[in-house]
Protein backbone atom coordinates (compact mmCIF):
# COMPACT_ATOMS: atom_id res chain seq x y z
CA UNK A 1 -0.03 0.07 0.00
CA UNK A 2 1.03 3.35 -0.93
CA UNK A 3 0.55 6.21 1.53
CA UNK A 4 -1.34 9.36 0.03
CA UNK A 5 -0.47 12.46 1.41
CA UNK A 6 -2.96 15.44 1.27
CA UNK A 7 -1.54 18.88 1.50
CA UNK A 8 -3.82 21.65 2.56
CA UNK A 9 -3.48 24.77 0.52
CA UNK A 10 -1.81 27.59 2.35
CA UNK A 11 -3.74 30.73 3.24
CA UNK A 12 -2.66 33.75 1.42
CA UNK A 13 -0.66 36.30 3.67
CA UNK A 14 -2.46 39.49 3.83
CA UNK A 15 -0.42 42.54 2.78
CA UNK A 16 1.04 44.44 5.55
CA UNK A 17 -0.68 47.77 4.71
CA UNK A 18 -4.04 46.21 3.87
CA UNK A 19 -6.22 49.17 5.06
CA UNK A 20 -9.74 49.95 4.01
CA UNK A 21 -11.63 52.95 4.32
CA UNK A 22 -15.54 52.23 4.83
CA UNK A 23 -17.84 55.20 4.16
CA UNK A 24 -21.54 54.76 4.99
CA UNK A 25 -23.81 57.35 3.35
CA UNK A 26 -27.24 58.26 4.87
CA UNK A 27 -30.04 60.42 3.41
CA UNK A 28 -33.80 60.90 3.20
CA UNK A 29 -33.95 61.06 -0.51
CA UNK A 30 -32.62 58.61 -2.70
CA UNK A 31 -31.75 61.10 -5.64
CA UNK A 32 -29.84 63.14 -3.46
CA UNK A 33 -28.10 60.20 -2.11
CA UNK A 34 -27.19 58.83 -5.40
CA UNK A 35 -25.50 62.00 -6.55
CA UNK A 36 -23.50 62.04 -3.32
CA UNK A 37 -22.07 58.57 -3.67
CA UNK A 38 -21.29 59.20 -7.42
CA UNK A 39 -19.26 62.47 -6.29
CA UNK A 40 -17.41 60.43 -3.77
CA UNK A 41 -16.63 57.78 -6.17
CA UNK A 42 -15.53 60.29 -8.74
CA UNK A 43 -13.13 61.81 -6.27
CA UNK A 44 -11.69 58.61 -5.29
CA UNK A 45 -11.31 57.61 -8.99
CA UNK A 46 -9.40 60.71 -9.77
CA UNK A 47 -6.61 59.75 -7.39
CA UNK A 48 -6.57 56.07 -8.76
CA UNK A 49 -8.05 54.18 -5.58
CA UNK A 50 -9.56 51.03 -5.86
CA UNK A 51 -13.37 51.52 -4.92
CA UNK A 52 -15.69 48.82 -4.06
CA UNK A 53 -19.45 49.81 -4.23
CA UNK A 54 -21.66 51.44 -3.83
CA UNK A 55 -23.53 48.69 -1.95
CA UNK A 56 -27.24 49.48 -1.27
CA UNK A 57 -28.22 48.71 2.28
CA UNK A 58 -31.83 48.03 3.64
CA UNK A 59 -33.86 51.03 4.02
CA UNK A 60 -34.89 51.88 7.56
CA UNK A 61 -38.54 52.82 7.68
CA UNK A 62 -39.91 54.83 10.78
CA UNK A 63 -43.71 54.68 10.96
CA UNK A 64 -45.71 57.29 13.05
CA UNK A 65 -49.41 56.80 13.65
CA UNK A 66 -51.52 59.93 15.04
CA UNK A 67 -54.98 60.70 15.62
CA UNK A 68 -56.67 62.96 13.18
CA UNK A 69 -59.04 64.77 15.57
CA UNK A 70 -57.91 66.00 18.91
CA UNK A 71 -60.86 64.83 21.05
CA UNK A 72 -63.22 62.50 19.36
CA UNK A 73 -63.39 59.79 16.70
CA UNK A 74 -60.44 57.64 18.00
CA UNK A 75 -60.78 55.34 14.98
CA UNK A 76 -59.54 57.94 12.49
CA UNK A 77 -55.98 57.83 12.19
CA UNK A 78 -53.05 58.87 10.10
CA UNK A 79 -49.98 57.07 9.26
CA UNK A 80 -46.70 58.90 8.33
CA UNK A 81 -43.33 57.42 7.71
CA UNK A 82 -39.86 58.45 7.30
CA UNK A 83 -37.45 56.41 4.88
CA UNK A 84 -33.66 56.31 5.40
CA UNK A 85 -31.58 55.39 2.40
CA UNK A 86 -28.26 54.07 2.84
CA UNK A 87 -25.22 53.21 0.71
CA UNK A 88 -21.83 51.78 1.68
CA UNK A 89 -18.62 52.21 -0.34
CA UNK A 90 -15.29 50.88 0.51
CA UNK A 91 -11.91 52.18 -0.67
CA UNK A 92 -9.19 49.91 -0.60
CA UNK A 93 -5.52 51.01 0.41
CA UNK A 94 -6.38 54.82 0.27
CA UNK A 95 -3.57 57.17 -0.12
CA UNK A 96 -3.30 60.13 1.94
CA UNK A 97 -4.32 62.44 -1.00
CA UNK A 98 -7.50 60.44 -1.32
CA UNK A 99 -8.35 60.96 2.39
CA UNK A 100 -7.63 64.70 2.16
CA UNK A 101 -9.80 65.07 -0.88
CA UNK A 102 -12.69 63.10 0.55
CA UNK A 103 -12.45 65.38 3.81
CA UNK A 104 -12.69 68.58 1.66
CA UNK A 105 -15.65 67.24 -0.45
CA UNK A 106 -18.83 69.37 -0.52
CA UNK A 107 -22.06 67.37 -0.20
CA UNK A 108 -25.62 68.76 -0.11
CA UNK A 109 -27.40 69.08 3.16
CA UNK A 110 -29.53 66.30 4.27
CA UNK A 111 -26.64 63.69 3.69
CA UNK A 112 -24.99 62.10 6.71
CA UNK A 113 -21.54 60.21 6.31
CA UNK A 114 -19.86 57.89 8.60
CA UNK A 115 -16.12 57.19 7.90
CA UNK A 116 -14.16 54.18 9.38
CA UNK A 117 -10.83 53.07 8.72
CA UNK A 118 -10.44 49.39 9.08
């Protein structure tokens, strides 16, 4: 009988400077959100950064129910909702110039940005 040796493939070593800039963009209107995301991607592409995304994240819907009248008619109610649209962008191995350009970017009001270095 011959003995068969099985060799496991070795895991690739991560690069020493393997950093990732994760950007989450939030807005109430999807059109403003998409324009802002496009502006962020264009800024990163200008400095030859590797961009992953935009990845659409689930929409947060907050619903509020209120009475139509102040005193009588409890059965008459109105419902309102707020939708928060979200996108996620990853920039792999960002150069200092990319980070500086993203901090100086001018985005419309109503757009919230969370930036994390991973």
